[in-house]
């Protein structure tokens, strides 16, 4: 009978929905930390970091990354400049972002016909997607910067473009786990710890 199936007692515990959300937020932090250490310390980034390539152990809370052969890395000549570029995005430094993008062009920006127009487009992209007080979404700002590069017929070198696209894919996973995760703000301690050599050599 219904009386045999339903009872009312006082129990102590955590709501399952709350526990799931807490776990997802912790996973977002773990994935982000792993990515930043791999990239800034080891110059490696997983090129296909989606949910299907991650196994999570509920017993040990450990992550196992699959398809590790899908990795990208930066060539030594551009890695220091990329560290500076990443720092510029996080600190909303429009001038440094502009200079970095010219450096990333296969021709170092030597063939651009409208330098001022390109810089204006970069400034507009930064103003729109990197406004003070807003959470920086890497995929959004990079999409607009790629548009500006294409508009001015600049060709980003392949190792940089693959790295940026890989970062955007990883960001998508992190924001699925925690939509409020602020990658730019969270990146600063890692840049300070692991990116010092990059910035000093740039």
N, C-alpha and C. Protein backbone atom coordinates (compact mmCIF):
# COMPACT_ATOMS: atom_id res chain seq x y z
N UNK A 1 0.84 -1.20 0.00
CA UNK A 1 0.00 0.00 0.00
C UNK A 1 0.87 1.24 0.00
N UNK A 2 0.22 2.42 -0.21
CA UNK A 2 0.96 3.68 -0.24
C UNK A 2 1.64 3.94 1.09
N UNK A 3 1.02 3.53 2.20
CA UNK A 3 1.61 3.76 3.52
C UNK A 3 2.91 2.98 3.68
N UNK A 4 2.99 1.80 3.01
CA UNK A 4 4.20 0.99 3.09
C UNK A 4 5.35 1.57 2.26
N UNK A 5 5.00 2.35 1.21
CA UNK A 5 6.00 2.88 0.29
C UNK A 5 6.49 4.27 0.67
N UNK A 6 5.67 5.07 1.31
CA UNK A 6 6.00 6.45 1.62
C UNK A 6 6.12 6.65 3.11
N UNK A 7 7.21 7.27 3.53
CA UNK A 7 7.38 7.60 4.94
C UNK A 7 7.99 8.99 5.04
N UNK A 8 7.83 9.62 6.15
CA UNK A 8 8.35 10.96 6.37
C UNK A 8 9.25 10.95 7.58
N UNK A 9 10.57 11.12 7.33
CA UNK A 9 11.55 11.16 8.43
C UNK A 9 12.50 12.32 8.19
N UNK A 10 13.18 12.73 9.22
CA UNK A 10 14.15 13.81 9.12
C UNK A 10 15.50 13.21 8.79
N UNK A 11 16.07 13.59 7.63
CA UNK A 11 17.36 13.07 7.19
C UNK A 11 18.33 14.22 6.94
N UNK A 12 19.60 13.97 7.14
CA UNK A 12 20.65 14.96 6.89
C UNK A 12 21.44 14.54 5.66
N UNK A 13 21.61 15.44 4.73
CA UNK A 13 22.36 15.12 3.51
C UNK A 13 22.39 16.29 2.56
N UNK A 14 23.08 16.12 1.44
CA UNK A 14 23.19 17.17 0.42
C UNK A 14 22.26 16.86 -0.73
N UNK A 15 21.60 17.88 -1.21
CA UNK A 15 20.75 17.72 -2.38
C UNK A 15 21.58 17.23 -3.56
N UNK A 16 21.07 16.21 -4.26
CA UNK A 16 21.82 15.61 -5.36
C UNK A 16 22.13 16.64 -6.44
N UNK A 17 21.17 17.47 -6.78
CA UNK A 17 21.38 18.48 -7.82
C UNK A 17 22.52 19.42 -7.43
N UNK A 18 22.55 19.80 -6.15
CA UNK A 18 23.61 20.68 -5.68
C UNK A 18 24.97 20.01 -5.76
N UNK A 19 25.00 18.72 -5.45
CA UNK A 19 26.26 17.97 -5.50
C UNK A 19 26.76 17.87 -6.93
N UNK A 20 25.85 17.64 -7.87
CA UNK A 20 26.23 17.53 -9.27
C UNK A 20 26.82 18.86 -9.76
N UNK A 21 26.18 19.97 -9.41
CA UNK A 21 26.68 21.28 -9.84
C UNK A 21 28.05 21.57 -9.23
N UNK A 22 28.22 21.18 -7.97
CA UNK A 22 29.52 21.38 -7.32
C UNK A 22 30.59 20.57 -8.02
N UNK A 23 30.27 19.33 -8.37
CA UNK A 23 31.21 18.46 -9.06
C UNK A 23 31.59 19.03 -10.42
N UNK A 24 30.61 19.54 -11.14
CA UNK A 24 30.88 20.11 -12.47
C UNK A 24 31.80 21.32 -12.37
N UNK A 25 31.56 22.18 -11.38
CA UNK A 25 32.42 23.36 -11.20
C UNK A 25 33.85 22.94 -10.85
N UNK A 26 33.98 21.93 -10.01
CA UNK A 26 35.31 21.44 -9.67
C UNK A 26 36.00 20.82 -10.88
N UNK A 27 35.23 20.13 -11.71
CA UNK A 27 35.78 19.55 -12.93
C UNK A 27 36.27 20.65 -13.87
N UNK A 28 35.51 21.73 -13.97
CA UNK A 28 35.91 22.85 -14.82
C UNK A 28 37.27 23.40 -14.37
N UNK A 29 37.44 23.56 -13.07
CA UNK A 29 38.71 24.06 -12.53
C UNK A 29 39.85 23.09 -12.82
N UNK A 30 39.56 21.79 -12.68
CA UNK A 30 40.60 20.78 -12.91
C UNK A 30 41.03 20.75 -14.37
N UNK A 31 40.06 20.78 -15.28
CA UNK A 31 40.37 20.77 -16.72
C UNK A 31 41.16 22.02 -17.09
N UNK A 32 40.75 23.16 -16.57
CA UNK A 32 41.44 24.41 -16.87
C UNK A 32 42.88 24.37 -16.35
N UNK A 33 43.06 23.94 -15.10
CA UNK A 33 44.39 23.88 -14.51
C UNK A 33 45.30 22.95 -15.30
N UNK A 34 44.77 21.80 -15.69
CA UNK A 34 45.55 20.85 -16.47
C UNK A 34 45.98 21.46 -17.80
N UNK A 35 45.04 22.14 -18.47
CA UNK A 35 45.35 22.75 -19.76
C UNK A 35 46.41 23.83 -19.64
N UNK A 36 46.30 24.68 -18.64
CA UNK A 36 47.24 25.78 -18.48
C UNK A 36 48.65 25.26 -18.18
N UNK A 37 48.74 24.23 -17.34
CA UNK A 37 50.05 23.66 -17.02
C UNK A 37 50.66 23.00 -18.26
N UNK A 38 49.85 22.24 -18.98
CA UNK A 38 50.35 21.60 -20.20
C UNK A 38 50.86 22.63 -21.18
N UNK A 39 50.10 23.71 -21.34
CA UNK A 39 50.45 24.68 -22.37
C UNK A 39 51.64 25.54 -21.97
N UNK A 40 51.54 26.20 -20.81
CA UNK A 40 52.58 27.15 -20.41
C UNK A 40 53.86 26.47 -19.93
N UNK A 41 53.73 25.31 -19.32
CA UNK A 41 54.91 24.61 -18.81
C UNK A 41 55.53 23.69 -19.85
N UNK A 42 54.65 22.97 -20.61
CA UNK A 42 55.15 21.92 -21.51
C UNK A 42 54.98 22.25 -22.99
N UNK A 43 54.35 23.39 -23.31
CA UNK A 43 54.10 23.77 -24.71
C UNK A 43 53.33 22.67 -25.45
N UNK A 44 52.30 22.16 -24.81
CA UNK A 44 51.41 21.17 -25.43
C UNK A 44 49.97 21.56 -25.13
N UNK A 45 49.11 21.38 -26.11
CA UNK A 45 47.69 21.61 -25.88
C UNK A 45 46.90 20.54 -26.62
N UNK A 46 45.92 19.96 -25.94
CA UNK A 46 45.08 18.94 -26.56
C UNK A 46 44.20 19.61 -27.60
N UNK A 47 44.22 19.08 -28.82
CA UNK A 47 43.52 19.73 -29.93
C UNK A 47 42.04 19.39 -30.00
N UNK A 48 41.59 18.44 -29.19
CA UNK A 48 40.19 18.01 -29.29
C UNK A 48 39.64 17.70 -27.90
N UNK A 49 39.70 18.70 -27.02
CA UNK A 49 39.31 18.52 -25.62
C UNK A 49 37.80 18.70 -25.44
N UNK A 50 37.04 17.69 -25.89
CA UNK A 50 35.59 17.71 -25.67
C UNK A 50 35.23 16.65 -24.64
N UNK A 51 33.97 16.64 -24.22
CA UNK A 51 33.54 15.77 -23.12
C UNK A 51 33.77 14.29 -23.44
N UNK A 52 33.68 13.91 -24.70
CA UNK A 52 33.87 12.51 -25.07
C UNK A 52 35.30 12.03 -24.93
N UNK A 53 36.23 12.96 -24.77
CA UNK A 53 37.64 12.58 -24.62
C UNK A 53 38.14 12.66 -23.18
N UNK A 54 37.20 12.73 -22.23
CA UNK A 54 37.58 12.79 -20.82
C UNK A 54 36.80 11.74 -20.04
N UNK A 55 37.51 10.94 -19.26
CA UNK A 55 36.89 9.99 -18.34
C UNK A 55 37.08 10.50 -16.92
N UNK A 56 36.01 10.48 -16.14
CA UNK A 56 36.06 10.95 -14.76
C UNK A 56 35.75 9.79 -13.82
N UNK A 57 36.66 9.54 -12.89
CA UNK A 57 36.45 8.48 -11.91
C UNK A 57 35.71 9.03 -10.70
N UNK A 58 34.52 8.48 -10.43
CA UNK A 58 33.76 8.92 -9.26
C UNK A 58 34.39 8.43 -7.96
N UNK A 59 35.25 7.41 -8.05
CA UNK A 59 35.88 6.86 -6.85
C UNK A 59 37.11 7.68 -6.43
N UNK A 60 37.92 8.10 -7.42
CA UNK A 60 39.16 8.81 -7.10
C UNK A 60 39.11 10.29 -7.48
N UNK A 61 38.05 10.69 -8.21
CA UNK A 61 37.93 12.07 -8.71
C UNK A 61 39.07 12.44 -9.66
N UNK A 62 39.65 11.43 -10.31
CA UNK A 62 40.74 11.67 -11.24
C UNK A 62 40.21 11.72 -12.67
N UNK A 63 40.90 12.49 -13.51
CA UNK A 63 40.55 12.60 -14.92
C UNK A 63 41.53 11.79 -15.76
N UNK A 64 41.00 11.13 -16.78
CA UNK A 64 41.83 10.46 -17.77
C UNK A 64 41.53 11.07 -19.12
N UNK A 65 42.56 11.58 -19.80
CA UNK A 65 42.38 12.22 -21.09
C UNK A 65 42.62 11.21 -22.20
N UNK A 66 41.67 11.10 -23.11
CA UNK A 66 41.76 10.18 -24.24
C UNK A 66 42.26 10.91 -25.48
N UNK A 67 42.67 10.11 -26.45
CA UNK A 67 43.10 10.65 -27.75
C UNK A 67 44.23 11.66 -27.57
N UNK A 68 45.20 11.30 -26.75
CA UNK A 68 46.30 12.23 -26.44
C UNK A 68 47.20 12.51 -27.64
N UNK A 69 47.05 11.73 -28.70
CA UNK A 69 47.83 12.01 -29.90
C UNK A 69 47.40 13.28 -30.60
N UNK A 70 46.20 13.76 -30.28
CA UNK A 70 45.69 14.99 -30.89
C UNK A 70 46.20 16.20 -30.09
N UNK A 71 47.46 16.54 -30.27
CA UNK A 71 48.04 17.67 -29.55
C UNK A 71 48.66 18.66 -30.51
N UNK A 72 48.77 19.89 -30.05
CA UNK A 72 49.40 20.95 -30.83
C UNK A 72 50.47 21.61 -29.96
N UNK A 73 51.44 22.22 -30.60
CA UNK A 73 52.47 22.96 -29.87
C UNK A 73 52.95 24.11 -30.73
N UNK A 74 53.56 25.08 -30.10
CA UNK A 74 54.08 26.26 -30.79
C UNK A 74 55.55 26.08 -31.11
N UNK A 75 55.96 26.61 -32.26
CA UNK A 75 57.37 26.58 -32.60
C UNK A 75 58.14 27.51 -31.65
N UNK A 76 59.41 27.19 -31.37
CA UNK A 76 60.18 27.97 -30.39
C UNK A 76 60.26 29.47 -30.70
N UNK A 77 60.25 29.83 -31.98
CA UNK A 77 60.41 31.25 -32.32
C UNK A 77 59.18 32.08 -31.99
N UNK A 78 57.99 31.42 -31.87
CA UNK A 78 56.77 32.17 -31.63
C UNK A 78 56.20 31.96 -30.22
N UNK A 79 56.66 30.93 -29.53
CA UNK A 79 56.13 30.63 -28.20
C UNK A 79 56.24 31.82 -27.24
N UNK A 80 57.39 32.51 -27.17
CA UNK A 80 57.45 33.68 -26.27
C UNK A 80 56.46 34.77 -26.65
N UNK A 81 56.30 35.00 -27.95
CA UNK A 81 55.36 36.03 -28.42
C UNK A 81 53.93 35.65 -28.09
N UNK A 82 53.63 34.35 -28.15
CA UNK A 82 52.27 33.91 -27.83
C UNK A 82 51.99 34.10 -26.35
N UNK A 83 52.99 33.87 -25.51
CA UNK A 83 52.81 34.11 -24.08
C UNK A 83 52.47 35.57 -23.82
N UNK A 84 53.13 36.46 -24.54
CA UNK A 84 52.85 37.89 -24.41
C UNK A 84 51.45 38.22 -24.91
N UNK A 85 51.06 37.58 -26.00
CA UNK A 85 49.71 37.79 -26.56
C UNK A 85 48.64 37.33 -25.58
N UNK A 86 48.84 36.17 -24.99
CA UNK A 86 47.88 35.64 -24.02
C UNK A 86 47.75 36.59 -22.83
N UNK A 87 48.86 37.10 -22.38
CA UNK A 87 48.85 38.06 -21.28
C UNK A 87 48.10 39.33 -21.69
N UNK A 88 48.29 39.76 -22.93
CA UNK A 88 47.62 40.97 -23.42
C UNK A 88 46.10 40.79 -23.48
N UNK A 89 45.65 39.61 -23.90
CA UNK A 89 44.21 39.34 -23.92
C UNK A 89 43.66 39.40 -22.50
N UNK A 90 44.34 38.75 -21.58
CA UNK A 90 43.86 38.68 -20.20
C UNK A 90 43.84 40.05 -19.53
N UNK A 91 44.79 40.92 -19.90
CA UNK A 91 44.86 42.24 -19.29
C UNK A 91 44.20 43.32 -20.14
N UNK A 92 43.58 42.89 -21.26
CA UNK A 92 42.85 43.80 -22.15
C UNK A 92 43.75 44.88 -22.75
N UNK A 93 44.96 44.48 -23.11
CA UNK A 93 45.94 45.41 -23.69
C UNK A 93 45.79 45.42 -25.21
N UNK A 94 45.03 46.36 -25.72
CA UNK A 94 44.71 46.39 -27.15
C UNK A 94 45.95 46.56 -28.03
N UNK A 95 46.84 47.44 -27.63
CA UNK A 95 48.03 47.71 -28.43
C UNK A 95 48.89 46.47 -28.57
N UNK A 96 49.06 45.73 -27.48
CA UNK A 96 49.89 44.53 -27.53
C UNK A 96 49.21 43.42 -28.34
N UNK A 97 47.88 43.32 -28.25
CA UNK A 97 47.16 42.35 -29.08
C UNK A 97 47.37 42.66 -30.55
N UNK A 98 47.26 43.93 -30.91
CA UNK A 98 47.46 44.37 -32.30
C UNK A 98 48.87 44.01 -32.78
N UNK A 99 49.89 44.33 -32.00
CA UNK A 99 51.27 44.04 -32.40
C UNK A 99 51.51 42.54 -32.52
N UNK A 100 50.92 41.79 -31.60
CA UNK A 100 51.10 40.34 -31.63
C UNK A 100 50.50 39.73 -32.88
N UNK A 101 49.33 40.18 -33.27
CA UNK A 101 48.68 39.64 -34.46
C UNK A 101 49.50 39.91 -35.72
N UNK A 102 50.15 41.06 -35.79
CA UNK A 102 51.04 41.33 -36.92
C UNK A 102 52.22 40.36 -36.91
N UNK A 103 52.72 40.06 -35.71
CA UNK A 103 53.83 39.11 -35.59
C UNK A 103 53.40 37.71 -36.02
N UNK A 104 52.15 37.36 -35.76
CA UNK A 104 51.66 36.02 -36.08
C UNK A 104 51.35 35.85 -37.56
N UNK A 105 51.27 36.95 -38.29
CA UNK A 105 51.03 36.87 -39.73
C UNK A 105 52.24 36.22 -40.40
N UNK A 106 51.99 35.39 -41.41
CA UNK A 106 53.08 34.69 -42.09
C UNK A 106 54.10 35.65 -42.69
N UNK A 107 53.65 36.85 -43.06
CA UNK A 107 54.55 37.86 -43.62
C UNK A 107 54.86 38.98 -42.63
N UNK A 108 54.58 38.72 -41.34
CA UNK A 108 54.86 39.69 -40.27
C UNK A 108 54.18 41.03 -40.50
N UNK A 109 53.06 41.02 -41.24
CA UNK A 109 52.31 42.25 -41.47
C UNK A 109 52.91 43.17 -42.50
N UNK A 110 53.95 42.71 -43.20
CA UNK A 110 54.64 43.59 -44.15
C UNK A 110 53.80 43.92 -45.37
N UNK A 111 52.83 43.06 -45.70
CA UNK A 111 52.04 43.28 -46.91
C UNK A 111 50.66 43.88 -46.63
N UNK A 112 50.39 44.24 -45.40
CA UNK A 112 49.09 44.83 -45.08
C UNK A 112 48.99 46.22 -45.69
N UNK A 113 47.85 46.53 -46.28
CA UNK A 113 47.68 47.81 -46.97
C UNK A 113 47.09 48.89 -46.07
N UNK A 114 46.37 48.50 -45.04
CA UNK A 114 45.70 49.48 -44.18
C UNK A 114 45.97 49.13 -42.71
N UNK A 115 47.15 49.52 -42.25
CA UNK A 115 47.55 49.21 -40.87
C UNK A 115 46.61 49.86 -39.87
N UNK A 116 46.29 51.14 -40.14
CA UNK A 116 45.41 51.86 -39.21
C UNK A 116 44.02 51.23 -39.16
N UNK A 117 43.53 50.79 -40.31
CA UNK A 117 42.22 50.14 -40.36
C UNK A 117 42.22 48.83 -39.60
N UNK A 118 43.31 48.07 -39.72
CA UNK A 118 43.41 46.81 -38.98
C UNK A 118 43.45 47.07 -37.48
N UNK A 119 44.22 48.06 -37.08
CA UNK A 119 44.30 48.38 -35.65
C UNK A 119 42.94 48.83 -35.12
N UNK A 120 42.21 49.57 -35.93
CA UNK A 120 40.87 50.00 -35.52
C UNK A 120 39.95 48.81 -35.34
N UNK A 121 40.04 47.84 -36.24
CA UNK A 121 39.21 46.64 -36.12
C UNK A 121 39.58 45.83 -34.88
N UNK A 122 40.87 45.76 -34.57
CA UNK A 122 41.30 45.06 -33.36
C UNK A 122 40.77 45.77 -32.12
N UNK A 123 40.86 47.09 -32.12
CA UNK A 123 40.37 47.87 -30.98
C UNK A 123 38.86 47.69 -30.79
N UNK A 124 38.12 47.64 -31.90
CA UNK A 124 36.68 47.45 -31.82
C UNK A 124 36.35 46.06 -31.26
N UNK A 125 37.10 45.05 -31.70
CA UNK A 125 36.89 43.69 -31.20
C UNK A 125 37.16 43.62 -29.70
N UNK A 126 38.24 44.25 -29.27
CA UNK A 126 38.59 44.25 -27.84
C UNK A 126 37.55 45.01 -27.02
N UNK A 127 37.07 46.13 -27.57
CA UNK A 127 36.07 46.91 -26.86
C UNK A 127 34.76 46.13 -26.72
N UNK A 128 34.44 45.33 -27.72
CA UNK A 128 33.18 44.59 -27.71
C UNK A 128 33.24 43.35 -26.83
N UNK A 129 34.35 42.63 -26.88
CA UNK A 129 34.40 41.33 -26.20
C UNK A 129 35.33 41.31 -24.98
N UNK A 130 36.06 42.38 -24.75
CA UNK A 130 36.98 42.42 -23.60
C UNK A 130 36.77 43.69 -22.79
N UNK A 131 35.54 44.11 -22.66
CA UNK A 131 35.25 45.33 -21.90
C UNK A 131 35.57 45.11 -20.44
N UNK A 132 36.00 46.18 -19.78
CA UNK A 132 36.32 46.09 -18.35
C UNK A 132 35.10 45.61 -17.57
N UNK A 133 35.32 44.66 -16.69
CA UNK A 133 34.24 44.14 -15.86
C UNK A 133 33.51 42.96 -16.45
N UNK A 134 33.68 42.71 -17.76
CA UNK A 134 33.02 41.58 -18.40
C UNK A 134 33.92 40.35 -18.37
N UNK A 135 33.31 39.18 -18.35
CA UNK A 135 34.06 37.94 -18.46
C UNK A 135 34.51 37.78 -19.91
N UNK A 136 35.80 37.55 -20.12
CA UNK A 136 36.33 37.38 -21.47
C UNK A 136 36.05 35.95 -21.94
N UNK A 137 35.36 35.83 -23.05
CA UNK A 137 35.12 34.53 -23.68
C UNK A 137 36.11 34.42 -24.85
N UNK A 138 37.08 33.55 -24.69
CA UNK A 138 38.17 33.45 -25.66
C UNK A 138 37.63 33.17 -27.07
N UNK A 139 36.68 32.26 -27.18
CA UNK A 139 36.13 31.93 -28.49
C UNK A 139 35.51 33.13 -29.18
N UNK A 140 34.83 33.99 -28.42
CA UNK A 140 34.19 35.17 -29.01
C UNK A 140 35.21 36.17 -29.50
N UNK A 141 36.19 36.51 -28.66
CA UNK A 141 37.17 37.51 -29.07
C UNK A 141 38.04 36.99 -30.21
N UNK A 142 38.40 35.71 -30.17
CA UNK A 142 39.24 35.18 -31.24
C UNK A 142 38.47 35.09 -32.56
N UNK A 143 37.17 34.79 -32.49
CA UNK A 143 36.37 34.77 -33.71
C UNK A 143 36.38 36.13 -34.38
N UNK A 144 36.25 37.20 -33.60
CA UNK A 144 36.25 38.55 -34.15
C UNK A 144 37.64 38.94 -34.67
N UNK A 145 38.69 38.52 -33.97
CA UNK A 145 40.04 38.83 -34.42
C UNK A 145 40.38 38.07 -35.70
N UNK A 146 39.92 36.83 -35.82
CA UNK A 146 40.12 36.08 -37.06
C UNK A 146 39.40 36.77 -38.22
N UNK A 147 38.22 37.31 -37.93
CA UNK A 147 37.48 38.05 -38.96
C UNK A 147 38.29 39.26 -39.42
N UNK A 148 38.90 39.98 -38.49
CA UNK A 148 39.71 41.15 -38.84
C UNK A 148 40.94 40.74 -39.65
N UNK A 149 41.56 39.63 -39.28
CA UNK A 149 42.71 39.13 -40.03
C UNK A 149 42.32 38.82 -41.48
N UNK A 150 41.20 38.13 -41.63
CA UNK A 150 40.73 37.77 -42.97
C UNK A 150 40.36 39.01 -43.78
N UNK A 151 39.72 39.97 -43.14
CA UNK A 151 39.32 41.22 -43.81
C UNK A 151 40.53 41.93 -44.39
N UNK A 152 41.64 41.91 -43.68
CA UNK A 152 42.84 42.63 -44.12
C UNK A 152 43.85 41.71 -44.80
N UNK A 153 43.36 40.52 -45.18
CA UNK A 153 44.17 39.56 -45.94
C UNK A 153 45.48 39.20 -45.24
N UNK A 154 45.40 39.01 -43.94
CA UNK A 154 46.54 38.53 -43.16
C UNK A 154 46.35 37.04 -42.91
N UNK A 155 47.42 36.29 -42.99
CA UNK A 155 47.36 34.84 -42.81
C UNK A 155 48.12 34.45 -41.55
N UNK A 156 47.39 33.99 -40.56
CA UNK A 156 48.02 33.60 -39.30
C UNK A 156 48.78 32.30 -39.49
N UNK A 157 49.99 32.25 -38.97
CA UNK A 157 50.79 31.03 -39.08
C UNK A 157 50.05 29.86 -38.44
N UNK A 158 50.26 28.68 -38.99
CA UNK A 158 49.41 27.53 -38.66
C UNK A 158 49.52 27.10 -37.20
N UNK A 159 50.73 27.11 -36.62
CA UNK A 159 50.85 26.63 -35.24
C UNK A 159 50.09 27.52 -34.27
N UNK A 160 50.05 28.82 -34.56
CA UNK A 160 49.30 29.75 -33.70
C UNK A 160 47.80 29.55 -33.87
N UNK A 161 47.34 29.44 -35.12
CA UNK A 161 45.90 29.30 -35.35
C UNK A 161 45.38 27.99 -34.77
N UNK A 162 46.13 26.89 -34.91
CA UNK A 162 45.71 25.61 -34.35
C UNK A 162 45.65 25.69 -32.82
N UNK A 163 46.63 26.35 -32.22
CA UNK A 163 46.65 26.50 -30.76
C UNK A 163 45.45 27.30 -30.29
N UNK A 164 45.13 28.39 -30.98
CA UNK A 164 44.00 29.23 -30.58
C UNK A 164 42.67 28.49 -30.74
N UNK A 165 42.53 27.75 -31.84
CA UNK A 165 41.30 26.99 -32.03
C UNK A 165 41.17 25.88 -30.98
N UNK A 166 42.29 25.27 -30.63
CA UNK A 166 42.27 24.23 -29.60
C UNK A 166 41.87 24.82 -28.25
N UNK A 167 42.36 26.02 -27.96
CA UNK A 167 41.99 26.68 -26.72
C UNK A 167 40.49 26.99 -26.69
N UNK A 168 39.94 27.37 -27.83
CA UNK A 168 38.51 27.67 -27.91
C UNK A 168 37.67 26.42 -27.67
N UNK A 169 38.12 25.28 -28.22
CA UNK A 169 37.41 24.01 -28.01
C UNK A 169 37.43 23.65 -26.52
N UNK A 170 38.60 23.79 -25.91
CA UNK A 170 38.73 23.49 -24.48
C UNK A 170 37.86 24.42 -23.65
N UNK A 171 37.82 25.69 -24.04
CA UNK A 171 36.98 26.65 -23.33
C UNK A 171 35.51 26.25 -23.41
N UNK A 172 35.09 25.74 -24.56
CA UNK A 172 33.71 25.31 -24.71
C UNK A 172 33.35 24.23 -23.70
N UNK A 173 34.25 23.27 -23.49
CA UNK A 173 34.02 22.21 -22.50
C UNK A 173 33.94 22.81 -21.09
N UNK A 174 34.88 23.69 -20.78
CA UNK A 174 34.93 24.29 -19.44
C UNK A 174 33.67 25.08 -19.15
N UNK A 175 33.18 25.81 -20.14
CA UNK A 175 31.98 26.62 -19.93
C UNK A 175 30.71 25.78 -19.92
N UNK A 176 30.76 24.59 -20.51
CA UNK A 176 29.64 23.65 -20.36
C UNK A 176 29.55 23.20 -18.91
N UNK A 177 30.70 22.97 -18.30
CA UNK A 177 30.74 22.52 -16.92
C UNK A 177 30.40 23.66 -15.95
N UNK A 178 30.89 24.86 -16.27
CA UNK A 178 30.66 26.02 -15.41
C UNK A 178 30.51 27.26 -16.27
N UNK A 179 29.27 27.63 -16.61
CA UNK A 179 29.03 28.78 -17.51
C UNK A 179 29.60 30.10 -16.98
N UNK A 180 29.85 30.19 -15.69
CA UNK A 180 30.35 31.44 -15.10
C UNK A 180 31.87 31.45 -14.96
N UNK A 181 32.54 30.42 -15.44
CA UNK A 181 33.99 30.34 -15.27
C UNK A 181 34.68 31.46 -16.04
N UNK A 182 35.55 32.20 -15.36
CA UNK A 182 36.28 33.32 -15.96
C UNK A 182 37.69 32.86 -16.30
N UNK A 183 37.91 32.48 -17.57
CA UNK A 183 39.19 31.93 -17.97
C UNK A 183 40.31 32.97 -17.90
N UNK A 184 40.02 34.20 -18.30
CA UNK A 184 41.06 35.22 -18.32
C UNK A 184 41.57 35.52 -16.91
N UNK A 185 40.64 35.71 -15.99
CA UNK A 185 41.04 35.99 -14.61
C UNK A 185 41.75 34.79 -14.00
N UNK A 186 41.26 33.59 -14.31
CA UNK A 186 41.86 32.37 -13.74
C UNK A 186 43.24 32.08 -14.33
N UNK A 187 43.49 32.61 -15.54
CA UNK A 187 44.77 32.33 -16.20
C UNK A 187 45.94 33.10 -15.62
N UNK A 188 45.67 34.26 -15.02
CA UNK A 188 46.75 35.13 -14.58
C UNK A 188 47.74 34.47 -13.63
N UNK A 189 47.29 33.72 -12.61
CA UNK A 189 48.27 33.06 -11.73
C UNK A 189 49.16 32.07 -12.47
N UNK A 190 48.61 31.38 -13.47
CA UNK A 190 49.40 30.42 -14.23
C UNK A 190 50.41 31.14 -15.12
N UNK A 191 49.99 32.26 -15.71
CA UNK A 191 50.92 33.05 -16.53
C UNK A 191 52.06 33.56 -15.66
N UNK A 192 51.72 34.00 -14.45
CA UNK A 192 52.75 34.51 -13.53
C UNK A 192 53.73 33.39 -13.14
N UNK A 193 53.21 32.17 -12.94
CA UNK A 193 54.06 31.07 -12.48
C UNK A 193 54.82 30.39 -13.60
N UNK A 194 54.13 30.08 -14.69
CA UNK A 194 54.74 29.28 -15.75
C UNK A 194 55.13 30.10 -16.98
N UNK A 195 54.53 31.28 -17.14
CA UNK A 195 54.78 32.05 -18.36
C UNK A 195 55.87 33.08 -18.22
N UNK A 196 56.56 33.11 -17.08
CA UNK A 196 57.59 34.13 -16.85
C UNK A 196 58.67 34.07 -17.92
N UNK A 197 59.14 32.89 -18.24
CA UNK A 197 60.20 32.76 -19.24
C UNK A 197 59.71 33.22 -20.59
N UNK A 198 58.46 32.87 -20.95
CA UNK A 198 57.89 33.32 -22.22
C UNK A 198 57.94 34.83 -22.31
N UNK A 199 57.43 35.51 -21.28
CA UNK A 199 57.33 36.96 -21.31
C UNK A 199 58.71 37.60 -21.28
N UNK A 200 59.65 37.02 -20.57
CA UNK A 200 60.98 37.60 -20.47
C UNK A 200 61.74 37.48 -21.79
N UNK A 201 61.52 36.36 -22.52
CA UNK A 201 62.24 36.16 -23.77
C UNK A 201 61.60 36.90 -24.92
N UNK A 202 60.30 37.32 -24.77
CA UNK A 202 59.60 37.95 -25.90
C UNK A 202 60.12 39.35 -26.16
